[in-house]
Amino acid sequence: MALPIGERPSYEGRTDKAVLFGISFILRSSGLSIPEPIRRKRLRNAICLLTAVSTVVRLEIALFLLPVVLSLVIQRKLPLSNALLYGVFGGVGSLGMSPP
């Protein structure tokens, strides 16, 4: 049974599961014993997922994502070109899949 529009629960202030999943990719890519291809894949997935979520659901996630990606670029764990490519892929991909 669907709730009327005025009685639907508000998701403001709640952390989306996709955001926690994306953050876990970033945290799990910081280990020293992780092979480089797996580290790159986890960072790519995290940036794409968090960009997609911030594009469609909550824009303030982008405020969290920007300093995280910037710190990864400064620490030379992620090239700037890859960070931009992953962000564009996640943003444009999520816009292409979302309804108008």
N, C-alpha and C. Protein backbone atom coordinates (compact mmCIF):
# COMPACT_ATOMS: atom_id res chain seq x y z
N MET A 1 0.84 -1.17 0.00
CA MET A 1 0.00 0.00 0.00
C MET A 1 0.89 1.24 0.00
N ALA A 2 0.67 2.10 -0.95
CA ALA A 2 1.48 3.32 -1.08
C ALA A 2 0.94 4.40 -0.15
N LEU A 3 1.85 5.13 0.45
CA LEU A 3 1.47 6.23 1.32
C LEU A 3 1.17 7.47 0.49
N PRO A 4 0.23 8.30 0.92
CA PRO A 4 0.01 9.57 0.22
C PRO A 4 1.27 10.43 0.29
N ILE A 5 1.37 11.37 -0.63
CA ILE A 5 2.59 12.17 -0.75
C ILE A 5 2.93 12.90 0.55
N GLY A 6 1.97 13.45 1.23
CA GLY A 6 2.24 14.18 2.46
C GLY A 6 2.69 13.30 3.61
N GLU A 7 2.45 12.00 3.55
CA GLU A 7 2.78 11.09 4.65
C GLU A 7 4.00 10.22 4.37
N ARG A 8 4.68 10.46 3.27
CA ARG A 8 5.88 9.67 2.97
C ARG A 8 7.01 10.09 3.90
N PRO A 9 7.85 9.14 4.28
CA PRO A 9 8.94 9.48 5.20
C PRO A 9 9.97 10.38 4.52
N SER A 10 10.55 11.26 5.29
CA SER A 10 11.58 12.16 4.79
C SER A 10 12.94 11.49 4.93
N TYR A 11 13.73 11.54 3.88
CA TYR A 11 15.06 10.94 3.92
C TYR A 11 16.14 11.98 4.17
N GLU A 12 15.73 13.17 4.51
CA GLU A 12 16.68 14.22 4.81
C GLU A 12 17.44 13.87 6.09
N GLY A 13 18.72 14.00 6.03
CA GLY A 13 19.53 13.71 7.21
C GLY A 13 19.92 12.26 7.36
N ARG A 14 19.40 11.40 6.52
CA ARG A 14 19.76 9.98 6.58
C ARG A 14 20.85 9.70 5.55
N THR A 15 21.77 8.84 5.91
CA THR A 15 22.84 8.49 4.99
C THR A 15 22.37 7.40 4.05
N ASP A 16 22.52 7.65 2.78
CA ASP A 16 22.11 6.69 1.77
C ASP A 16 23.08 5.49 1.79
N LYS A 17 22.56 4.29 1.53
CA LYS A 17 23.40 3.09 1.54
C LYS A 17 24.44 3.14 0.43
N ALA A 18 24.11 3.76 -0.70
CA ALA A 18 25.07 3.86 -1.79
C ALA A 18 26.25 4.74 -1.39
N VAL A 19 26.01 5.76 -0.57
CA VAL A 19 27.09 6.63 -0.10
C VAL A 19 28.03 5.83 0.80
N LEU A 20 27.49 5.06 1.71
CA LEU A 20 28.33 4.25 2.58
C LEU A 20 29.11 3.22 1.78
N PHE A 21 28.49 2.67 0.76
CA PHE A 21 29.17 1.70 -0.10
C PHE A 21 30.32 2.36 -0.84
N GLY A 22 30.10 3.57 -1.35
CA GLY A 22 31.16 4.30 -2.04
C GLY A 22 32.30 4.67 -1.12
N ILE A 23 31.98 5.10 0.10
CA ILE A 23 33.02 5.44 1.07
C ILE A 23 33.83 4.20 1.43
N SER A 24 33.18 3.05 1.52
CA SER A 24 33.91 1.83 1.84
C SER A 24 34.91 1.48 0.75
N PHE A 25 34.57 1.78 -0.52
CA PHE A 25 35.52 1.55 -1.61
C PHE A 25 36.76 2.41 -1.43
N ILE A 26 36.57 3.66 -1.03
CA ILE A 26 37.71 4.55 -0.82
C ILE A 26 38.56 4.07 0.35
N LEU A 27 37.93 3.69 1.44
CA LEU A 27 38.67 3.24 2.61
C LEU A 27 39.42 1.94 2.33
N ARG A 28 38.78 1.02 1.60
CA ARG A 28 39.42 -0.26 1.32
C ARG A 28 40.50 -0.16 0.25
N SER A 29 40.62 0.97 -0.42
CA SER A 29 41.67 1.12 -1.42
C SER A 29 42.93 1.73 -0.83
N SER A 30 42.93 2.05 0.43
CA SER A 30 44.07 2.75 1.03
C SER A 30 45.09 1.82 1.66
N GLY A 31 44.86 0.52 1.63
CA GLY A 31 45.81 -0.41 2.22
C GLY A 31 47.09 -0.52 1.41
N LEU A 32 48.20 -0.78 2.06
CA LEU A 32 49.49 -0.88 1.38
C LEU A 32 49.67 -2.21 0.68
N SER A 33 48.97 -3.25 1.10
CA SER A 33 49.16 -4.57 0.52
C SER A 33 48.21 -4.84 -0.66
N ILE A 34 47.42 -3.86 -1.06
CA ILE A 34 46.46 -4.05 -2.14
C ILE A 34 47.17 -3.85 -3.47
N PRO A 35 47.00 -4.79 -4.41
CA PRO A 35 47.61 -4.61 -5.74
C PRO A 35 47.06 -3.37 -6.44
N GLU A 36 47.88 -2.76 -7.28
CA GLU A 36 47.52 -1.52 -7.95
C GLU A 36 46.26 -1.63 -8.82
N PRO A 37 46.06 -2.70 -9.59
CA PRO A 37 44.82 -2.77 -10.40
C PRO A 37 43.55 -2.80 -9.55
N ILE A 38 43.60 -3.46 -8.41
CA ILE A 38 42.43 -3.50 -7.53
C ILE A 38 42.21 -2.14 -6.89
N ARG A 39 43.28 -1.45 -6.52
CA ARG A 39 43.16 -0.11 -5.94
C ARG A 39 42.51 0.85 -6.94
N ARG A 40 42.97 0.80 -8.20
CA ARG A 40 42.40 1.68 -9.22
C ARG A 40 40.93 1.37 -9.47
N LYS A 41 40.59 0.08 -9.48
CA LYS A 41 39.20 -0.32 -9.71
C LYS A 41 38.30 0.16 -8.58
N ARG A 42 38.76 0.04 -7.35
CA ARG A 42 37.95 0.49 -6.20
C ARG A 42 37.76 2.00 -6.21
N LEU A 43 38.83 2.74 -6.53
CA LEU A 43 38.69 4.19 -6.60
C LEU A 43 37.76 4.61 -7.74
N ARG A 44 37.88 3.94 -8.88
CA ARG A 44 36.99 4.23 -10.00
C ARG A 44 35.54 3.99 -9.62
N ASN A 45 35.27 2.85 -9.00
CA ASN A 45 33.90 2.53 -8.59
C ASN A 45 33.37 3.53 -7.57
N ALA A 46 34.22 3.93 -6.63
CA ALA A 46 33.79 4.88 -5.60
C ALA A 46 33.45 6.23 -6.20
N ILE A 47 34.31 6.74 -7.06
CA ILE A 47 34.06 8.05 -7.65
C ILE A 47 32.83 8.03 -8.54
N CYS A 48 32.70 6.99 -9.36
CA CYS A 48 31.51 6.88 -10.23
C CYS A 48 30.23 6.78 -9.40
N LEU A 49 30.24 5.95 -8.37
CA LEU A 49 29.04 5.76 -7.55
C LEU A 49 28.67 7.03 -6.80
N LEU A 50 29.64 7.67 -6.16
CA LEU A 50 29.34 8.88 -5.39
C LEU A 50 28.95 10.05 -6.29
N THR A 51 29.52 10.13 -7.49
CA THR A 51 29.11 11.17 -8.42
C THR A 51 27.69 10.93 -8.90
N ALA A 52 27.36 9.68 -9.18
CA ALA A 52 26.00 9.35 -9.63
C ALA A 52 24.98 9.67 -8.54
N VAL A 53 25.31 9.31 -7.30
CA VAL A 53 24.39 9.60 -6.21
C VAL A 53 24.24 11.10 -5.99
N SER A 54 25.34 11.82 -6.08
CA SER A 54 25.23 13.27 -5.87
C SER A 54 24.51 13.96 -7.02
N THR A 55 24.58 13.40 -8.21
CA THR A 55 23.88 13.98 -9.35
C THR A 55 22.38 13.77 -9.25
N VAL A 56 21.96 12.59 -8.85
CA VAL A 56 20.54 12.26 -8.86
C VAL A 56 19.86 12.52 -7.52
N VAL A 57 20.49 12.15 -6.43
CA VAL A 57 19.81 12.15 -5.14
C VAL A 57 20.14 13.38 -4.29
N ARG A 58 21.41 13.54 -3.94
CA ARG A 58 21.78 14.59 -2.98
C ARG A 58 23.03 15.30 -3.44
N LEU A 59 22.92 16.57 -3.72
CA LEU A 59 24.04 17.35 -4.24
C LEU A 59 25.12 17.60 -3.19
N GLU A 60 24.78 17.59 -1.92
CA GLU A 60 25.80 17.86 -0.90
C GLU A 60 26.83 16.75 -0.79
N ILE A 61 26.57 15.60 -1.39
CA ILE A 61 27.57 14.54 -1.43
C ILE A 61 28.76 14.99 -2.27
N ALA A 62 28.51 15.84 -3.26
CA ALA A 62 29.60 16.38 -4.07
C ALA A 62 30.55 17.22 -3.21
N LEU A 63 30.03 17.88 -2.19
CA LEU A 63 30.88 18.65 -1.28
C LEU A 63 31.79 17.73 -0.47
N PHE A 64 31.36 16.52 -0.23
CA PHE A 64 32.20 15.53 0.43
C PHE A 64 33.19 14.92 -0.56
N LEU A 65 32.73 14.67 -1.77
CA LEU A 65 33.54 13.97 -2.76
C LEU A 65 34.71 14.82 -3.27
N LEU A 66 34.50 16.10 -3.43
CA LEU A 66 35.54 16.97 -3.98
C LEU A 66 36.84 16.96 -3.16
N PRO A 67 36.81 17.19 -1.85
CA PRO A 67 38.08 17.14 -1.10
C PRO A 67 38.68 15.75 -1.02
N VAL A 68 37.85 14.71 -1.05
CA VAL A 68 38.38 13.35 -1.01
C VAL A 68 39.17 13.06 -2.28
N VAL A 69 38.57 13.39 -3.42
CA VAL A 69 39.26 13.15 -4.70
C VAL A 69 40.48 14.05 -4.82
N LEU A 70 40.38 15.27 -4.36
CA LEU A 70 41.52 16.18 -4.41
C LEU A 70 42.68 15.65 -3.56
N SER A 71 42.38 15.09 -2.42
CA SER A 71 43.45 14.52 -1.59
C SER A 71 44.07 13.29 -2.24
N LEU A 72 43.26 12.49 -2.94
CA LEU A 72 43.80 11.33 -3.64
C LEU A 72 44.71 11.77 -4.79
N VAL A 73 44.36 12.86 -5.45
CA VAL A 73 45.20 13.38 -6.53
C VAL A 73 46.50 13.96 -5.97
N ILE A 74 46.42 14.69 -4.87
CA ILE A 74 47.62 15.28 -4.27
C ILE A 74 48.57 14.20 -3.75
N GLN A 75 48.01 13.12 -3.20
CA GLN A 75 48.84 12.02 -2.70
C GLN A 75 49.34 11.11 -3.83
N ARG A 76 48.99 11.43 -5.06
CA ARG A 76 49.38 10.68 -6.25
C ARG A 76 48.86 9.25 -6.24
N LYS A 77 47.72 9.04 -5.62
CA LYS A 77 47.07 7.74 -5.66
C LYS A 77 46.10 7.64 -6.83
N LEU A 78 45.79 8.78 -7.43
CA LEU A 78 44.85 8.82 -8.54
C LEU A 78 45.24 9.98 -9.45
N PRO A 79 45.46 9.70 -10.75
CA PRO A 79 45.76 10.80 -11.68
C PRO A 79 44.55 11.72 -11.86
N LEU A 80 44.82 12.99 -12.07
CA LEU A 80 43.75 13.97 -12.24
C LEU A 80 42.87 13.63 -13.44
N SER A 81 43.49 13.18 -14.52
CA SER A 81 42.70 12.84 -15.71
C SER A 81 41.72 11.71 -15.43
N ASN A 82 42.15 10.71 -14.67
CA ASN A 82 41.25 9.61 -14.31
C ASN A 82 40.13 10.08 -13.39
N ALA A 83 40.45 10.96 -12.45
CA ALA A 83 39.43 11.47 -11.53
C ALA A 83 38.35 12.22 -12.30
N LEU A 84 38.77 13.05 -13.25
CA LEU A 84 37.79 13.78 -14.06
C LEU A 84 36.97 12.84 -14.93
N LEU A 85 37.63 11.86 -15.53
CA LEU A 85 36.94 10.90 -16.39
C LEU A 85 35.91 10.10 -15.59
N TYR A 86 36.28 9.62 -14.41
CA TYR A 86 35.35 8.85 -13.58
C TYR A 86 34.17 9.72 -13.13
N GLY A 87 34.44 10.97 -12.79
CA GLY A 87 33.36 11.87 -12.38
C GLY A 87 32.39 12.15 -13.50
N VAL A 88 32.91 12.39 -14.69
CA VAL A 88 32.04 12.64 -15.85
C VAL A 88 31.24 11.39 -16.18
N PHE A 89 31.90 10.24 -16.14
CA PHE A 89 31.20 8.99 -16.43
C PHE A 89 30.06 8.74 -15.43
N GLY A 90 30.32 8.95 -14.15
CA GLY A 90 29.28 8.74 -13.14
C GLY A 90 28.14 9.74 -13.25
N GLY A 91 28.47 11.01 -13.49
CA GLY A 91 27.45 12.05 -13.59
C GLY A 91 26.58 11.91 -14.83
N VAL A 92 27.22 11.76 -15.99
CA VAL A 92 26.46 11.65 -17.24
C VAL A 92 25.71 10.32 -17.29
N GLY A 93 26.33 9.27 -16.79
CA GLY A 93 25.65 7.97 -16.76
C GLY A 93 24.40 7.99 -15.90
N SER A 94 24.49 8.64 -14.75
CA SER A 94 23.31 8.69 -13.88
C SER A 94 22.23 9.57 -14.46
N LEU A 95 22.61 10.67 -15.14
CA LEU A 95 21.61 11.50 -15.79
C LEU A 95 20.93 10.76 -16.94
N GLY A 96 21.69 9.94 -17.64
CA GLY A 96 21.12 9.17 -18.75
C GLY A 96 20.14 8.11 -18.28
N MET A 97 20.33 7.59 -17.08
CA MET A 97 19.45 6.54 -16.57
C MET A 97 18.26 7.07 -15.79
N SER A 98 18.34 8.32 -15.33
CA SER A 98 17.24 8.86 -14.51
C SER A 98 16.12 9.37 -15.39
N PRO A 99 14.90 9.27 -14.91
CA PRO A 99 13.76 9.75 -15.70
C PRO A 99 13.76 11.28 -15.79
N PRO A 100 13.19 11.85 -16.86
CA PRO A 100 13.20 13.30 -17.02
C PRO A 100 12.37 14.03 -16.00
